[in-house]
Structure formats: structure tokens, C-alpha cells
């Protein structure tokens, strides 16, 4: 057999192994998706919780008159969250649970893709498993459809787009998508600034290392243009709906600032309230995820762009939880 023939056989065998490995990974990820959905089944027909019911009520009456932010009701929640609930309610109250299930499944897939892009297939399997457990954890009420579960999906999509942009070099489309997804995360839950922080870290470190990374100013422009699109949509809606200038920002930011000021006068010390996060973090596996992610970041020391991006994403997520100040028992 000629050398060319042997080389061709080796390439074909290598290609076959890669296809087999990819199929195995896809099967593992789908198994984690199935696990996440199975964990949600016992709560599928449970009555809507207080937060779910409140958002559902507002969403149901939205676009039916009224002069408040959402028609006849006022709510300190972003418009994309209410829009998602209104879409889900076309299936009735059970649609809210379906929305949560779709978000949990999407999160598992996105986390697996991020882990694979960063650490290979060996990293993708445990990442998908941990994501599936956390996305449908009763300890943090993720078995329902909280805004946090819905917001983390575009947040993870944004980080995945940043990783793709980093791997592919001049991928302006990926950067624009990253900016748009990061903005959508904030428009679902206003405390989800983690993806925007990750994007800022990505651009900053890439700029500092422009000789090696091929950074251009148009990268930042592409990201910012993508991020501006969802906000432009909100601005257009605000004007078409005849809302006062700053109505959305007052509800999403001004109210939260006032709430934090009120919490400063709480009789319960802040550390006592923060301590109540420990059991849910342990019971849901989130604490393990944080430690596992921090360990993984140590292995990215040679790729400073990715290390800074993922580190900022982790730090932003932790800050979003710990800086809220409003913690209470859910069971």
C-alpha cells in the first residue's frame, strides 16, 4: 500500500473517531437535558408561586389599556421578562412551567458548548451535568420559572459568542451577538450584568494584547452595536406606548436603589441575611460549580483573554447574588 493510501486511511480513522466522540458527547448532553427535565416533573402542575403569579398577572393584562408601565399594573421587572411570560401564557398557566423547562434545557446545552470550546469534551460532560442539576434544583426554586433562570440563558449565550469570537479571530458577527445577548439578559433581570462585565473584560484584555490577538477598534464597535439594539427596541416601545421619559429606568434602577436604601435600616444584620444563602448554594450544587469553575480558570493562565472573560463572568454572577441585599427563606 502506498504512503498516500496509508495517510488517507489514518485521516479517515481519525475523522471517524472524532465523529464517534462528538456523538458520544451529544448523547451525554441530551442525557443531562433529560435529567433536568425529569427533576422538574413533580412541579409541573404545581400552582404558580408568588413571583410567578405576579408576573403572570401583569403579563396577562399587558397591552390592554392603562397608563402604567405594563398597562394597569406597575412592576419593577424588565419588559423582556414580562414579554416571555405573556408568550408562555398562550399555553395557559402551564405555559409558565414549559418556559422554565425550555430555559433549563437551553442552559445545559449552552454550558456544555462553552465548556467544550474552552476545555474540550472532557470538560463538557461534568459541566452539562452540573448545569442540569442547578437548572432544576428545588433548593434554589429553579424547578419553577424564576427570572434568574430565564436571564442566565442569554447570559450564557453571550459568553459562548465571546468564546467563538476569540477562537475565530475576526468574527464581528459573534461579537455583535454577544453584545445583544448580554443586553437581553439585563432586560430579563436587571441584576444580570455579568455577561456585560465579561464582554468588557474580553475587549479590554484583547486590546492590551492586540499584537497577539489581532484586536481592532471595530471589535468594540460591533459588541456595542449589538448591545444597543435591544435597548433601542425598549426605547421605541417606551415612546410608542406613551410612557414618560425614564419610566423603564425608574422602575428597573431607581426603585432598586430605593429598596437598597430601605434595607440599610433593616433590623437584621446583613451578614445574617447573607448566611441564609449557604444551604441553598450547597444543596443546589452551585457552590460546587463555583469551585469547579475557579479551578478551571487556573488552567487558562496561558490564554489571558478567555481567563479574564470567564473570570469576569463568574465574578459578575457572584456580585449579582451577593450585592442584592434582599434575601429570605423560600421554604
Protein backbone atom coordinates (compact mmCIF):
# COMPACT_ATOMS: atom_id res chain seq x y z
CA UNK A 1 0.00 0.00 0.00
CA UNK A 2 1.36 3.44 -0.87
CA UNK A 3 2.21 6.12 1.68
CA UNK A 4 -0.62 8.26 0.37
CA UNK A 5 -3.05 5.40 0.90
CA UNK A 6 -1.90 4.82 4.49
CA UNK A 7 -2.13 8.53 5.22
CA UNK A 8 -5.65 8.60 3.83
CA UNK A 9 -6.70 5.67 5.99
CA UNK A 10 -5.29 7.35 9.08
CA UNK A 11 -7.16 10.57 8.34
CA UNK A 12 -10.37 8.63 7.77
CA UNK A 13 -9.89 6.72 11.04
CA UNK A 14 -9.19 9.95 12.90
CA UNK A 15 -12.29 11.53 11.38
CA UNK A 16 -14.37 8.52 12.38
CA UNK A 17 -13.11 8.72 15.96
CA UNK A 18 -13.95 12.41 16.12
CA UNK A 19 -17.45 11.78 14.82
CA UNK A 20 -17.90 8.98 17.35
CA UNK A 21 -16.63 11.19 20.19
CA UNK A 22 -18.94 14.03 19.13
CA UNK A 23 -21.88 11.65 19.00
CA UNK A 24 -20.99 10.38 22.45
CA UNK A 25 -20.80 13.91 23.82
CA UNK A 26 -24.12 14.83 22.21
CA UNK A 27 -25.70 11.79 23.84
CA UNK A 28 -24.26 12.73 27.24
CA UNK A 29 -25.54 16.29 26.94
CA UNK A 30 -29.01 15.10 25.93
CA UNK A 31 -28.98 12.77 28.95
CA UNK A 32 -28.25 15.80 31.17
CA UNK A 33 -31.10 17.68 29.48
CA UNK A 34 -33.39 14.72 30.20
CA UNK A 35 -32.23 14.74 33.82
CA UNK A 36 -33.00 18.44 34.17
CA UNK A 37 -36.48 17.93 32.71
CA UNK A 38 -37.12 14.88 34.89
CA UNK A 39 -36.26 16.85 38.04
CA UNK A 40 -38.91 19.40 37.07
CA UNK A 41 -41.73 16.90 36.51
CA UNK A 42 -43.00 16.78 40.14
CA UNK A 43 -43.61 20.55 39.99
CA UNK A 44 -45.10 20.66 36.52
CA UNK A 45 -48.69 21.09 37.76
CA UNK A 46 -47.86 22.97 40.96
CA UNK A 47 -49.67 26.31 41.38
CA UNK A 48 -47.73 29.36 40.31
CA UNK A 49 -45.59 30.85 43.06
CA UNK A 50 -45.88 34.41 44.34
CA UNK A 51 -43.35 35.88 41.90
CA UNK A 52 -44.57 33.74 39.01
CA UNK A 53 -48.19 34.59 39.67
CA UNK A 54 -47.43 38.30 39.97
CA UNK A 55 -45.52 38.47 36.70
CA UNK A 56 -48.16 36.29 35.01
CA UNK A 57 -50.94 38.62 36.18
CA UNK A 58 -49.10 41.65 34.85
CA UNK A 59 -48.25 39.89 31.58
CA UNK A 60 -51.84 38.77 31.07
CA UNK A 61 -53.17 42.31 31.34
CA UNK A 62 -50.33 43.94 29.40
CA UNK A 63 -51.28 45.73 26.16
CA UNK A 64 -54.90 46.02 27.27
CA UNK A 65 -55.03 49.69 28.17
CA UNK A 66 -53.87 51.53 31.27
CA UNK A 67 -51.28 54.24 31.73
CA UNK A 68 -48.71 52.44 33.85
CA UNK A 69 -45.54 50.73 32.70
CA UNK A 70 -47.40 47.50 31.95
CA UNK A 71 -50.91 48.76 31.38
CA UNK A 72 -53.00 48.79 34.55
CA UNK A 73 -50.15 47.43 36.68
CA UNK A 74 -46.75 48.65 37.77
CA UNK A 75 -43.89 46.17 38.19
CA UNK A 76 -40.20 46.57 38.91
CA UNK A 77 -39.23 43.98 36.32
CA UNK A 78 -37.75 44.41 32.83
CA UNK A 79 -40.03 44.26 29.77
CA UNK A 80 -38.41 41.18 28.20
CA UNK A 81 -39.33 39.09 31.25
CA UNK A 82 -42.95 40.19 31.02
CA UNK A 83 -42.94 39.55 27.25
CA UNK A 84 -41.64 35.99 27.78
CA UNK A 85 -44.36 35.33 30.34
CA UNK A 86 -47.03 36.73 28.02
CA UNK A 87 -45.82 34.40 25.27
CA UNK A 88 -45.81 31.44 27.67
CA UNK A 89 -49.35 32.20 28.83
CA UNK A 90 -50.69 31.45 25.36
CA UNK A 91 -50.48 27.85 26.62
CA UNK A 92 -52.27 28.76 29.84
CA UNK A 93 -50.69 28.71 33.34
CA UNK A 94 -48.83 25.51 32.46
CA UNK A 95 -47.02 27.50 29.79
CA UNK A 96 -45.02 29.20 32.53
CA UNK A 97 -43.66 25.80 33.58
CA UNK A 98 -42.94 24.94 29.93
CA UNK A 99 -41.00 28.19 29.62
CA UNK A 100 -38.86 27.20 32.62
CA UNK A 101 -38.25 23.74 31.18
CA UNK A 102 -37.13 25.19 27.84
CA UNK A 103 -34.77 27.58 29.65
CA UNK A 104 -33.29 24.74 31.73
CA UNK A 105 -32.67 22.61 28.63
CA UNK A 106 -31.12 25.53 26.75
CA UNK A 107 -28.84 26.31 29.68
CA UNK A 108 -27.48 22.76 29.79
CA UNK A 109 -26.65 22.85 26.09
CA UNK A 110 -25.06 26.30 26.23
CA UNK A 111 -22.89 25.46 29.25
CA UNK A 112 -21.76 22.24 27.57
CA UNK A 113 -20.80 24.17 24.43
CA UNK A 114 -18.86 26.74 26.43
CA UNK A 115 -17.02 24.04 28.36
CA UNK A 116 -16.22 22.14 25.18
CA UNK A 117 -14.89 25.25 23.44
CA UNK A 118 -12.71 26.12 26.41
CA UNK A 119 -11.65 22.78 27.91
CA UNK A 120 -12.55 20.12 25.37
CA UNK A 121 -15.01 17.24 25.56
CA UNK A 122 -13.75 16.03 28.95
CA UNK A 123 -14.84 19.35 30.46
CA UNK A 124 -18.19 19.43 28.66
CA UNK A 125 -19.68 16.34 30.34
CA UNK A 126 -19.35 17.41 34.00
CA UNK A 127 -20.32 20.97 33.04
CA UNK A 128 -23.55 19.74 31.46
CA UNK A 129 -24.32 17.59 34.50
CA UNK A 130 -23.77 20.40 36.98
CA UNK A 131 -25.80 22.78 34.83
CA UNK A 132 -28.66 20.28 34.64
CA UNK A 133 -28.72 19.81 38.40
CA UNK A 134 -28.61 23.53 39.15
CA UNK A 135 -31.12 24.50 36.45
CA UNK A 136 -33.74 22.21 38.05
CA UNK A 137 -32.81 22.45 41.71
CA UNK A 138 -35.58 22.70 44.27
CA UNK A 139 -33.10 24.19 46.77
CA UNK A 140 -32.97 27.45 44.82
CA UNK A 141 -36.53 27.24 43.45
CA UNK A 142 -35.18 26.67 39.93
CA UNK A 143 -37.83 23.97 39.41
CA UNK A 144 -40.21 26.85 38.84
CA UNK A 145 -39.64 29.69 36.34
CA UNK A 146 -37.74 32.44 38.17
CA UNK A 147 -36.40 35.42 36.27
CA UNK A 148 -32.88 34.30 37.13
CA UNK A 149 -33.30 31.05 35.19
CA UNK A 150 -34.58 32.91 32.15
CA UNK A 151 -31.87 35.57 32.33
CA UNK A 152 -28.95 33.18 32.58
CA UNK A 153 -29.78 31.69 29.16
CA UNK A 154 -28.94 34.85 27.13
CA UNK A 155 -26.07 35.49 29.55
CA UNK A 156 -24.54 32.09 28.74
CA UNK A 157 -25.24 32.59 25.03
CA UNK A 158 -23.34 35.87 25.20
CA UNK A 159 -20.29 34.23 26.77
CA UNK A 160 -20.41 31.42 24.21
CA UNK A 161 -20.40 34.02 21.43
CA UNK A 162 -17.35 35.68 23.02
CA UNK A 163 -15.53 32.35 23.10
CA UNK A 164 -16.41 31.77 19.44
CA UNK A 165 -15.18 35.26 18.55
CA UNK A 166 -11.93 34.54 20.36
CA UNK A 167 -11.42 31.22 18.62
CA UNK A 168 -12.29 32.52 15.16
CA UNK A 169 -10.44 35.82 15.34
CA UNK A 170 -12.18 38.43 13.22
CA UNK A 171 -15.75 37.36 13.97
CA UNK A 172 -17.66 40.63 14.18
CA UNK A 173 -20.98 38.81 13.92
CA UNK A 174 -20.16 36.75 17.02
CA UNK A 175 -19.21 39.90 18.93
CA UNK A 176 -22.42 41.66 17.91
CA UNK A 177 -24.40 38.59 19.00
CA UNK A 178 -22.53 38.59 22.32
CA UNK A 179 -23.47 42.21 22.95
CA UNK A 180 -27.11 41.65 22.01
CA UNK A 181 -27.44 38.57 24.25
CA UNK A 182 -25.76 40.37 27.17
CA UNK A 183 -28.24 43.23 26.86
CA UNK A 184 -31.17 40.79 26.68
CA UNK A 185 -30.03 39.20 29.94
CA UNK A 186 -30.35 42.58 31.67
CA UNK A 187 -33.75 43.11 30.08
CA UNK A 188 -34.92 39.87 31.67
CA UNK A 189 -33.39 40.50 35.10
CA UNK A 190 -31.77 43.87 35.75
CA UNK A 191 -29.13 42.48 38.10
CA UNK A 192 -27.71 40.24 35.36
CA UNK A 193 -24.82 42.49 34.39
CA UNK A 194 -22.41 39.55 34.43
CA UNK A 195 -22.35 39.00 30.67
CA UNK A 196 -21.74 42.70 30.03
CA UNK A 197 -18.89 42.55 32.53
CA UNK A 198 -17.48 39.52 30.70
CA UNK A 199 -17.72 41.39 27.41
CA UNK A 200 -15.92 44.38 28.86
CA UNK A 201 -13.15 42.14 30.18
CA UNK A 202 -12.86 40.42 26.81
CA UNK A 203 -12.48 43.70 24.93
CA UNK A 204 -10.10 45.21 27.47
CA UNK A 205 -7.69 42.27 27.60
CA UNK A 206 -7.86 41.79 23.84
CA UNK A 207 -6.96 45.46 23.39
CA UNK A 208 -3.98 45.16 25.73
CA UNK A 209 -2.78 42.14 23.78
CA UNK A 210 -3.63 43.48 20.33
CA UNK A 211 -0.25 42.48 18.92
CA UNK A 212 -1.06 38.82 19.60
CA UNK A 213 -4.85 38.74 19.38
CA UNK A 214 -5.39 40.94 16.33
CA UNK A 215 -7.67 43.29 18.25
CA UNK A 216 -9.27 46.12 16.31
CA UNK A 217 -11.46 49.01 17.42
CA UNK A 218 -14.22 47.57 15.28
CA UNK A 219 -14.47 44.65 17.73
CA UNK A 220 -15.65 47.06 20.40
CA UNK A 221 -17.96 48.81 17.95
CA UNK A 222 -19.51 45.50 16.90
CA UNK A 223 -20.10 44.48 20.52
CA UNK A 224 -21.56 47.86 21.48
CA UNK A 225 -23.77 47.93 18.40
CA UNK A 226 -25.16 44.53 19.29
CA UNK A 227 -25.77 45.60 22.88
CA UNK A 228 -27.50 48.79 21.75
CA UNK A 229 -30.12 47.02 19.62
CA UNK A 230 -32.27 45.58 22.46
CA UNK A 231 -32.12 48.87 24.36
CA UNK A 232 -33.14 50.73 21.23
CA UNK A 233 -36.13 48.42 21.00
CA UNK A 234 -37.12 49.25 24.57
CA UNK A 235 -36.76 52.97 23.86
CA UNK A 236 -39.01 52.68 20.81
CA UNK A 237 -41.61 50.73 22.82
CA UNK A 238 -41.48 53.33 25.61
CA UNK A 239 -42.22 56.13 23.16
CA UNK A 240 -44.91 54.26 21.20
CA UNK A 241 -46.64 53.32 24.46
CA UNK A 242 -46.71 56.97 25.51
CA UNK A 243 -44.80 56.31 28.71
CA UNK A 244 -43.00 59.16 30.40
CA UNK A 245 -39.29 59.60 29.76
CA UNK A 246 -37.32 57.36 32.08
CA UNK A 247 -40.31 55.24 33.11
CA UNK A 248 -38.46 52.00 32.46
CA UNK A 249 -35.19 53.11 34.05
CA UNK A 250 -37.05 54.38 37.12
CA UNK A 251 -38.80 51.04 37.58
CA UNK A 252 -35.70 48.95 36.98
CA UNK A 253 -32.99 51.06 38.59
CA UNK A 254 -34.50 53.84 40.68
CA UNK A 255 -36.80 51.51 42.60
CA UNK A 256 -33.91 49.12 43.31
CA UNK A 257 -31.75 51.92 44.69
CA UNK A 258 -34.58 52.98 46.97
CA UNK A 259 -35.03 49.38 48.10
CA UNK A 260 -31.33 49.05 48.97
CA UNK A 261 -31.52 52.25 50.99
CA UNK A 262 -34.51 50.84 52.85
CA UNK A 263 -32.63 47.59 53.52
CA UNK A 264 -29.88 49.55 55.22
CA UNK A 265 -32.32 50.25 58.02
CA UNK A 266 -33.26 46.59 58.45
CA UNK A 267 -33.15 45.25 61.97
CA UNK A 268 -31.41 42.09 60.76
CA UNK A 269 -27.68 42.42 60.09
CA UNK A 270 -26.54 41.93 56.51
CA UNK A 271 -24.27 39.02 57.41
CA UNK A 272 -27.18 37.18 58.98
CA UNK A 273 -29.17 37.53 55.78
CA UNK A 274 -26.24 36.52 53.58
CA UNK A 275 -25.66 33.41 55.70
CA UNK A 276 -29.04 32.10 54.58
CA UNK A 277 -27.60 31.65 51.09
CA UNK A 278 -25.21 28.93 52.29
CA UNK A 279 -27.64 25.99 52.45
CA UNK A 280 -29.28 26.67 49.06
CA UNK A 281 -25.82 27.08 47.49
CA UNK A 282 -24.71 23.72 48.87
CA UNK A 283 -27.98 21.91 48.25
CA UNK A 284 -28.24 23.03 44.63
CA UNK A 285 -24.63 22.29 43.75
CA UNK A 286 -23.97 25.96 42.92
CA UNK A 287 -21.14 26.09 45.47
CA UNK A 288 -19.51 23.10 43.75
CA UNK A 289 -19.93 24.79 40.39
CA UNK A 290 -18.20 27.93 41.62
CA UNK A 291 -15.26 25.94 42.98
CA UNK A 292 -15.02 23.79 39.84
CA UNK A 293 -15.11 26.89 37.64
CA UNK A 294 -12.44 28.63 39.71
CA UNK A 295 -10.24 25.55 39.40
CA UNK A 296 -10.77 25.51 35.65
CA UNK A 297 -9.76 29.16 35.38
CA UNK A 298 -6.34 28.27 36.76
CA UNK A 299 -5.81 26.08 33.72
CA UNK A 300 -6.41 29.05 31.41
CA UNK A 301 -3.50 31.12 32.63
CA UNK A 302 -1.85 30.92 29.22
CA UNK A 303 -4.97 32.27 27.50
CA UNK A 304 -5.46 35.54 29.29
CA UNK A 305 -8.37 36.67 27.14
CA UNK A 306 -10.50 33.64 28.00
CA UNK A 307 -9.34 33.62 31.62
CA UNK A 308 -10.34 37.27 32.05
CA UNK A 309 -13.66 36.76 30.23
CA UNK A 310 -14.77 33.73 32.23
CA UNK A 311 -13.37 35.15 35.46
CA UNK A 312 -15.37 38.34 34.98
CA UNK A 313 -18.48 36.30 34.19
CA UNK A 314 -18.08 34.35 37.43
CA UNK A 315 -17.34 37.48 39.47
CA UNK A 316 -20.31 39.30 37.95
CA UNK A 317 -22.64 36.42 38.75
CA UNK A 318 -21.49 36.27 42.36
CA UNK A 319 -21.80 40.03 42.73
CA UNK A 320 -25.32 39.93 41.29
CA UNK A 321 -26.35 37.48 44.01
CA UNK A 322 -24.45 38.91 46.97
CA UNK A 323 -24.98 42.61 46.25
CA UNK A 324 -28.76 42.32 46.06
CA UNK A 325 -29.13 42.59 49.81
CA UNK A 326 -32.64 41.16 49.82
CA UNK A 327 -32.53 37.53 50.92
CA UNK A 328 -35.27 35.49 52.51
CA UNK A 329 -36.20 31.90 53.15
CA UNK A 330 -38.31 30.26 50.44
CA UNK A 331 -39.20 27.12 52.41
